[in-house]
Amino acid sequence: MDLSTLDTTASAEAGAKMEVVHPTTGAVLVQSDGKPISVMLAGEDSDRYRKADRRISNRRLATASTGRRVRATAEGIEADRLEVLVACTISWEGIGFDGGEKECTPENAREAYKKLPWLREQADAFIVDRANFLKA
């Protein structure tokens, strides 16, 4: 078998569309025009993901190299994970919160994922599932 047919780097960088589902019913959420609410996400094999992950690792290494003890906290780990997720958010359709639809910017993505933990969980699970980035 030619394993290069399973290369996900290019498709992970291009991104895949995640349809947003209701956090309890699992039904796909739709916009007023009936189109699914969706987020275009880069996968964990993308440069976006790897660069964000390396930034975090380099920051930790820099702190450790000063001789100070690095203390991991749940809040720090959550913030690092959020940084990766924001970096992997390419675009979205129909995402709104606080009374109106929002443009997809890193700031708005960060705010959406902070305010809507169920959305963050869906996106986080999506980007690490390579099946989302392999053509059938």
N, C-alpha and C. Protein backbone atom coordinates (compact mmCIF):
# COMPACT_ATOMS: atom_id res chain seq x y z
N MET A 1 0.85 -1.19 0.00
CA MET A 1 0.00 0.00 0.00
C MET A 1 0.89 1.24 0.00
N ASP A 2 0.49 2.22 -0.76
CA ASP A 2 1.21 3.49 -0.81
C ASP A 2 0.70 4.37 0.34
N LEU A 3 1.51 4.47 1.39
CA LEU A 3 1.08 5.20 2.59
C LEU A 3 0.92 6.69 2.34
N SER A 4 1.51 7.20 1.27
CA SER A 4 1.35 8.63 0.98
C SER A 4 -0.10 8.98 0.64
N THR A 5 -0.90 7.98 0.32
CA THR A 5 -2.32 8.24 0.08
C THR A 5 -3.05 8.61 1.37
N LEU A 6 -2.38 8.38 2.50
CA LEU A 6 -2.95 8.71 3.80
C LEU A 6 -2.32 9.97 4.40
N ASP A 7 -1.64 10.75 3.57
CA ASP A 7 -1.00 11.99 4.03
C ASP A 7 -2.07 13.03 4.32
N THR A 8 -2.10 13.49 5.54
CA THR A 8 -3.12 14.46 5.94
C THR A 8 -2.59 15.88 6.07
N THR A 9 -1.30 16.10 5.80
CA THR A 9 -0.74 17.43 6.06
C THR A 9 -1.38 18.52 5.21
N ALA A 10 -1.52 18.29 3.92
CA ALA A 10 -2.10 19.32 3.04
C ALA A 10 -3.57 19.56 3.37
N SER A 11 -4.32 18.48 3.55
CA SER A 11 -5.75 18.66 3.83
C SER A 11 -5.98 19.23 5.23
N ALA A 12 -5.10 18.90 6.17
CA ALA A 12 -5.22 19.48 7.52
C ALA A 12 -4.94 20.97 7.47
N GLU A 13 -4.02 21.40 6.62
CA GLU A 13 -3.71 22.82 6.49
C GLU A 13 -4.86 23.56 5.80
N ALA A 14 -5.44 22.93 4.78
CA ALA A 14 -6.56 23.55 4.06
C ALA A 14 -7.79 23.67 4.96
N GLY A 15 -7.94 22.71 5.85
CA GLY A 15 -9.05 22.73 6.79
C GLY A 15 -10.23 21.89 6.34
N ALA A 16 -11.07 21.59 7.30
CA ALA A 16 -12.30 20.85 7.05
C ALA A 16 -13.43 21.54 7.81
N LYS A 17 -14.62 21.42 7.27
CA LYS A 17 -15.77 22.09 7.85
C LYS A 17 -16.42 21.22 8.92
N MET A 18 -16.51 21.77 10.11
CA MET A 18 -17.20 21.11 11.21
C MET A 18 -18.58 21.74 11.34
N GLU A 19 -19.61 20.93 11.21
CA GLU A 19 -20.96 21.43 11.46
C GLU A 19 -21.17 21.43 12.97
N VAL A 20 -21.65 22.54 13.48
CA VAL A 20 -21.85 22.71 14.92
C VAL A 20 -23.15 22.01 15.31
N VAL A 21 -23.06 21.21 16.36
CA VAL A 21 -24.25 20.48 16.81
C VAL A 21 -24.68 20.98 18.19
N HIS A 22 -25.97 20.83 18.45
CA HIS A 22 -26.54 21.21 19.74
C HIS A 22 -25.83 20.40 20.83
N PRO A 23 -25.45 21.04 21.93
CA PRO A 23 -24.67 20.34 22.95
C PRO A 23 -25.38 19.20 23.66
N THR A 24 -26.69 19.15 23.62
CA THR A 24 -27.38 18.05 24.29
C THR A 24 -28.13 17.14 23.34
N THR A 25 -28.71 17.69 22.27
CA THR A 25 -29.49 16.84 21.37
C THR A 25 -28.64 16.25 20.25
N GLY A 26 -27.52 16.90 19.93
CA GLY A 26 -26.69 16.43 18.82
C GLY A 26 -27.20 16.85 17.46
N ALA A 27 -28.29 17.62 17.42
CA ALA A 27 -28.83 18.08 16.14
C ALA A 27 -27.93 19.19 15.58
N VAL A 28 -27.75 19.16 14.26
CA VAL A 28 -26.96 20.20 13.61
C VAL A 28 -27.69 21.53 13.77
N LEU A 29 -26.98 22.55 14.23
CA LEU A 29 -27.56 23.88 14.39
C LEU A 29 -27.55 24.59 13.04
N VAL A 30 -28.63 25.31 12.76
CA VAL A 30 -28.76 25.97 11.46
C VAL A 30 -28.98 27.47 11.62
N GLN A 31 -28.57 28.18 10.58
CA GLN A 31 -28.79 29.63 10.50
C GLN A 31 -30.23 29.89 10.08
N SER A 32 -30.62 31.14 10.07
CA SER A 32 -32.00 31.49 9.70
C SER A 32 -32.33 31.08 8.27
N ASP A 33 -31.31 30.97 7.39
CA ASP A 33 -31.55 30.56 6.01
C ASP A 33 -31.52 29.04 5.83
N GLY A 34 -31.37 28.31 6.93
CA GLY A 34 -31.38 26.85 6.88
C GLY A 34 -30.01 26.22 6.68
N LYS A 35 -28.99 27.02 6.41
CA LYS A 35 -27.64 26.48 6.23
C LYS A 35 -27.07 26.12 7.60
N PRO A 36 -26.28 25.04 7.65
CA PRO A 36 -25.69 24.66 8.94
C PRO A 36 -24.72 25.72 9.47
N ILE A 37 -24.71 25.90 10.76
CA ILE A 37 -23.68 26.71 11.41
C ILE A 37 -22.42 25.86 11.38
N SER A 38 -21.31 26.45 10.93
CA SER A 38 -20.10 25.64 10.77
C SER A 38 -18.84 26.43 11.08
N VAL A 39 -17.79 25.68 11.35
CA VAL A 39 -16.47 26.26 11.60
C VAL A 39 -15.48 25.51 10.72
N MET A 40 -14.68 26.25 9.96
CA MET A 40 -13.60 25.65 9.16
C MET A 40 -12.37 25.58 10.05
N LEU A 41 -11.89 24.36 10.26
CA LEU A 41 -10.78 24.13 11.19
C LEU A 41 -9.61 23.43 10.53
N ALA A 42 -8.41 23.86 10.85
CA ALA A 42 -7.20 23.15 10.45
C ALA A 42 -6.99 22.00 11.43
N GLY A 43 -6.38 20.93 10.94
CA GLY A 43 -6.17 19.76 11.79
C GLY A 43 -4.82 19.75 12.48
N GLU A 44 -4.62 18.75 13.32
CA GLU A 44 -3.39 18.68 14.11
C GLU A 44 -2.15 18.41 13.27
N ASP A 45 -2.30 18.00 12.02
CA ASP A 45 -1.15 17.80 11.14
C ASP A 45 -0.81 19.06 10.34
N SER A 46 -1.51 20.14 10.59
CA SER A 46 -1.29 21.39 9.85
C SER A 46 -0.13 22.19 10.44
N ASP A 47 0.41 23.09 9.62
CA ASP A 47 1.44 24.01 10.11
C ASP A 47 0.87 24.92 11.20
N ARG A 48 -0.38 25.33 11.04
CA ARG A 48 -1.01 26.20 12.04
C ARG A 48 -0.96 25.56 13.43
N TYR A 49 -1.36 24.30 13.47
CA TYR A 49 -1.38 23.58 14.74
C TYR A 49 0.03 23.43 15.29
N ARG A 50 0.94 22.96 14.43
CA ARG A 50 2.32 22.70 14.88
C ARG A 50 3.01 23.98 15.34
N LYS A 51 2.79 25.09 14.63
CA LYS A 51 3.41 26.36 15.04
C LYS A 51 2.90 26.81 16.41
N ALA A 52 1.61 26.71 16.61
CA ALA A 52 1.04 27.10 17.91
C ALA A 52 1.56 26.19 19.02
N ASP A 53 1.63 24.90 18.74
CA ASP A 53 2.12 23.94 19.72
C ASP A 53 3.59 24.21 20.05
N ARG A 54 4.37 24.53 19.04
CA ARG A 54 5.79 24.85 19.27
C ARG A 54 5.96 26.14 20.07
N ARG A 55 5.13 27.15 19.79
CA ARG A 55 5.19 28.40 20.57
C ARG A 55 5.00 28.12 22.06
N ILE A 56 4.04 27.27 22.34
CA ILE A 56 3.76 26.91 23.73
C ILE A 56 4.95 26.16 24.33
N SER A 57 5.47 25.19 23.59
CA SER A 57 6.62 24.42 24.08
C SER A 57 7.83 25.31 24.29
N ASN A 58 8.08 26.21 23.34
CA ASN A 58 9.22 27.13 23.47
C ASN A 58 9.06 28.05 24.68
N ARG A 59 7.85 28.50 24.92
CA ARG A 59 7.59 29.36 26.08
C ARG A 59 7.89 28.60 27.38
N ARG A 60 7.46 27.35 27.43
CA ARG A 60 7.72 26.53 28.62
C ARG A 60 9.22 26.27 28.79
N LEU A 61 9.90 25.96 27.67
CA LEU A 61 11.34 25.71 27.73
C LEU A 61 12.11 26.96 28.15
N ALA A 62 11.69 28.11 27.64
CA ALA A 62 12.36 29.36 28.01
C ALA A 62 12.22 29.62 29.50
N THR A 63 11.06 29.37 30.03
CA THR A 63 10.85 29.55 31.47
C THR A 63 11.69 28.56 32.26
N ALA A 64 11.72 27.32 31.80
CA ALA A 64 12.50 26.29 32.49
C ALA A 64 13.99 26.58 32.44
N SER A 65 14.47 27.17 31.35
CA SER A 65 15.90 27.43 31.20
C SER A 65 16.40 28.54 32.12
N THR A 66 15.49 29.29 32.69
CA THR A 66 15.90 30.35 33.63
C THR A 66 16.24 29.76 35.00
N GLY A 67 15.99 28.49 35.15
CA GLY A 67 16.25 27.84 36.43
C GLY A 67 15.08 27.89 37.38
N ARG A 68 14.04 28.61 36.98
CA ARG A 68 12.85 28.66 37.82
C ARG A 68 12.05 27.37 37.63
N ARG A 69 11.43 26.98 38.68
CA ARG A 69 10.58 25.80 38.61
C ARG A 69 9.30 26.16 37.85
N VAL A 70 8.99 25.36 36.87
CA VAL A 70 7.78 25.59 36.07
C VAL A 70 6.63 24.85 36.73
N ARG A 71 5.61 25.60 37.09
CA ARG A 71 4.44 24.98 37.72
C ARG A 71 3.30 24.96 36.72
N ALA A 72 2.89 23.76 36.41
CA ALA A 72 1.75 23.61 35.51
C ALA A 72 0.47 23.78 36.32
N THR A 73 -0.47 24.48 35.74
CA THR A 73 -1.78 24.65 36.38
C THR A 73 -2.85 24.23 35.38
N ALA A 74 -3.98 23.87 35.89
CA ALA A 74 -5.10 23.53 35.01
C ALA A 74 -5.46 24.71 34.13
N GLU A 75 -5.41 25.90 34.71
CA GLU A 75 -5.74 27.11 33.94
C GLU A 75 -4.73 27.35 32.83
N GLY A 76 -3.47 27.10 33.11
CA GLY A 76 -2.43 27.26 32.10
C GLY A 76 -2.57 26.27 30.97
N ILE A 77 -2.86 25.03 31.30
CA ILE A 77 -3.06 24.00 30.28
C ILE A 77 -4.27 24.35 29.42
N GLU A 78 -5.34 24.80 30.06
CA GLU A 78 -6.55 25.20 29.32
C GLU A 78 -6.25 26.38 28.39
N ALA A 79 -5.49 27.35 28.87
CA ALA A 79 -5.13 28.51 28.05
C ALA A 79 -4.26 28.10 26.86
N ASP A 80 -3.35 27.17 27.08
CA ASP A 80 -2.50 26.68 25.99
C ASP A 80 -3.34 25.96 24.94
N ARG A 81 -4.28 25.15 25.39
CA ARG A 81 -5.15 24.42 24.46
C ARG A 81 -6.00 25.41 23.66
N LEU A 82 -6.47 26.45 24.33
CA LEU A 82 -7.27 27.47 23.66
C LEU A 82 -6.43 28.18 22.59
N GLU A 83 -5.17 28.46 22.89
CA GLU A 83 -4.28 29.11 21.92
C GLU A 83 -4.15 28.27 20.65
N VAL A 84 -4.01 26.97 20.80
CA VAL A 84 -3.91 26.08 19.64
C VAL A 84 -5.22 26.10 18.86
N LEU A 85 -6.33 26.03 19.56
CA LEU A 85 -7.64 26.00 18.90
C LEU A 85 -7.90 27.29 18.12
N VAL A 86 -7.56 28.42 18.69
CA VAL A 86 -7.72 29.70 18.00
C VAL A 86 -6.86 29.72 16.74
N ALA A 87 -5.64 29.23 16.83
CA ALA A 87 -4.74 29.19 15.67
C ALA A 87 -5.30 28.30 14.56
N CYS A 88 -6.05 27.28 14.92
CA CYS A 88 -6.60 26.34 13.94
C CYS A 88 -7.95 26.77 13.38
N THR A 89 -8.53 27.84 13.90
CA THR A 89 -9.82 28.31 13.41
C THR A 89 -9.59 29.21 12.20
N ILE A 90 -10.01 28.72 11.04
CA ILE A 90 -9.78 29.41 9.77
C ILE A 90 -10.92 30.38 9.45
N SER A 91 -12.14 29.90 9.58
CA SER A 91 -13.31 30.73 9.28
C SER A 91 -14.53 30.08 9.92
N TRP A 92 -15.65 30.79 9.84
CA TRP A 92 -16.90 30.20 10.32
C TRP A 92 -18.08 30.83 9.62
N GLU A 93 -19.21 30.15 9.74
CA GLU A 93 -20.47 30.65 9.17
C GLU A 93 -21.54 30.54 10.24
N GLY A 94 -22.18 31.67 10.51
CA GLY A 94 -23.33 31.67 11.41
C GLY A 94 -23.02 31.67 12.89
N ILE A 95 -21.78 31.91 13.26
CA ILE A 95 -21.44 31.93 14.69
C ILE A 95 -21.80 33.30 15.26
N GLY A 96 -22.64 33.28 16.25
CA GLY A 96 -23.04 34.50 16.92
C GLY A 96 -23.13 34.27 18.41
N PHE A 97 -22.88 35.30 19.18
CA PHE A 97 -23.05 35.26 20.63
C PHE A 97 -23.15 36.69 21.11
N ASP A 98 -23.67 36.87 22.30
CA ASP A 98 -23.88 38.21 22.86
C ASP A 98 -24.77 39.07 21.96
N GLY A 99 -25.77 38.45 21.35
CA GLY A 99 -26.77 39.20 20.61
C GLY A 99 -26.52 39.45 19.14
N GLY A 100 -25.46 38.92 18.58
CA GLY A 100 -25.25 39.15 17.16
C GLY A 100 -24.21 38.24 16.57
N GLU A 101 -24.26 38.14 15.24
CA GLU A 101 -23.28 37.32 14.53
C GLU A 101 -21.92 38.00 14.59
N LYS A 102 -20.88 37.20 14.69
CA LYS A 102 -19.53 37.73 14.84
C LYS A 102 -18.66 37.34 13.65
N GLU A 103 -17.79 38.26 13.27
CA GLU A 103 -16.79 37.99 12.25
C GLU A 103 -15.76 37.02 12.85
N CYS A 104 -15.22 36.16 12.01
CA CYS A 104 -14.21 35.21 12.48
C CYS A 104 -12.85 35.91 12.55
N THR A 105 -12.46 36.28 13.75
CA THR A 105 -11.14 36.85 14.02
C THR A 105 -10.55 36.05 15.18
N PRO A 106 -9.24 36.09 15.37
CA PRO A 106 -8.68 35.38 16.52
C PRO A 106 -9.30 35.82 17.85
N GLU A 107 -9.56 37.11 17.99
CA GLU A 107 -10.15 37.61 19.22
C GLU A 107 -11.56 37.05 19.42
N ASN A 108 -12.37 37.07 18.35
CA ASN A 108 -13.73 36.55 18.46
C ASN A 108 -13.74 35.04 18.66
N ALA A 109 -12.81 34.34 18.01
CA ALA A 109 -12.72 32.89 18.21
C ALA A 109 -12.39 32.58 19.66
N ARG A 110 -11.43 33.29 20.21
CA ARG A 110 -11.04 33.09 21.62
C ARG A 110 -12.25 33.35 22.53
N GLU A 111 -12.97 34.43 22.25
CA GLU A 111 -14.14 34.77 23.07
C GLU A 111 -15.23 33.71 22.94
N ALA A 112 -15.48 33.26 21.71
CA ALA A 112 -16.51 32.23 21.50
C ALA A 112 -16.17 30.95 22.25
N TYR A 113 -14.92 30.51 22.14
CA TYR A 113 -14.53 29.26 22.80
C TYR A 113 -14.52 29.40 24.32
N LYS A 114 -14.27 30.60 24.82
CA LYS A 114 -14.32 30.81 26.27
C LYS A 114 -15.77 30.83 26.77
N LYS A 115 -16.65 31.51 26.02
CA LYS A 115 -18.04 31.65 26.45
C LYS A 115 -18.86 30.40 26.19
N LEU A 116 -18.45 29.61 25.20
CA LEU A 116 -19.22 28.44 24.80
C LEU A 116 -18.34 27.19 24.91
N PRO A 117 -18.15 26.67 26.12
CA PRO A 117 -17.25 25.53 26.28
C PRO A 117 -17.66 24.31 25.46
N TRP A 118 -18.94 24.12 25.23
CA TRP A 118 -19.38 22.99 24.41
C TRP A 118 -18.91 23.15 22.97
N LEU A 119 -18.84 24.38 22.46
CA LEU A 119 -18.32 24.61 21.11
C LEU A 119 -16.82 24.33 21.08
N ARG A 120 -16.13 24.77 22.11
CA ARG A 120 -14.69 24.50 22.22
C ARG A 120 -14.43 22.99 22.23
N GLU A 121 -15.23 22.25 22.98
CA GLU A 121 -15.05 20.79 23.06
C GLU A 121 -15.27 20.14 21.70
N GLN A 122 -16.30 20.60 20.96
CA GLN A 122 -16.55 20.03 19.63
C GLN A 122 -15.38 20.31 18.70
N ALA A 123 -14.90 21.55 18.69
CA ALA A 123 -13.81 21.93 17.80
C ALA A 123 -12.52 21.21 18.18
N ASP A 124 -12.27 21.10 19.47
CA ASP A 124 -11.07 20.43 19.95
C ASP A 124 -11.06 18.96 19.51
N ALA A 125 -12.18 18.28 19.64
CA ALA A 125 -12.27 16.88 19.22
C ALA A 125 -12.13 16.76 17.71
N PHE A 126 -12.67 17.71 16.97
CA PHE A 126 -12.64 17.67 15.51
C PHE A 126 -11.22 17.77 14.97
N ILE A 127 -10.41 18.68 15.51
CA ILE A 127 -9.08 18.92 14.93
C ILE A 127 -8.12 17.76 15.14
N VAL A 128 -8.36 16.93 16.15
CA VAL A 128 -7.46 15.80 16.39
C VAL A 128 -7.93 14.51 15.75
N ASP A 129 -9.07 14.54 15.09
CA ASP A 129 -9.59 13.35 14.40
C ASP A 129 -9.15 13.40 12.94
N ARG A 130 -8.12 12.65 12.59
CA ARG A 130 -7.55 12.69 11.23
C ARG A 130 -8.57 12.26 10.17
N ALA A 131 -9.56 11.49 10.55
CA ALA A 131 -10.57 11.08 9.58
C ALA A 131 -11.27 12.29 8.98
N ASN A 132 -11.34 13.39 9.71
CA ASN A 132 -11.97 14.60 9.19
C ASN A 132 -11.16 15.24 8.07
N PHE A 133 -9.90 14.84 7.93
CA PHE A 133 -9.01 15.47 6.96
C PHE A 133 -8.52 14.49 5.89
N LEU A 134 -9.08 13.30 5.86
CA LEU A 134 -8.76 12.32 4.82
C LEU A 134 -9.93 12.23 3.85
N LYS A 135 -9.61 12.22 2.59
CA LYS A 135 -10.66 12.07 1.59
C LYS A 135 -11.10 10.61 1.56
N ALA A 136 -12.39 10.39 1.53
CA ALA A 136 -12.94 9.02 1.54
C ALA A 136 -12.69 8.31 0.23
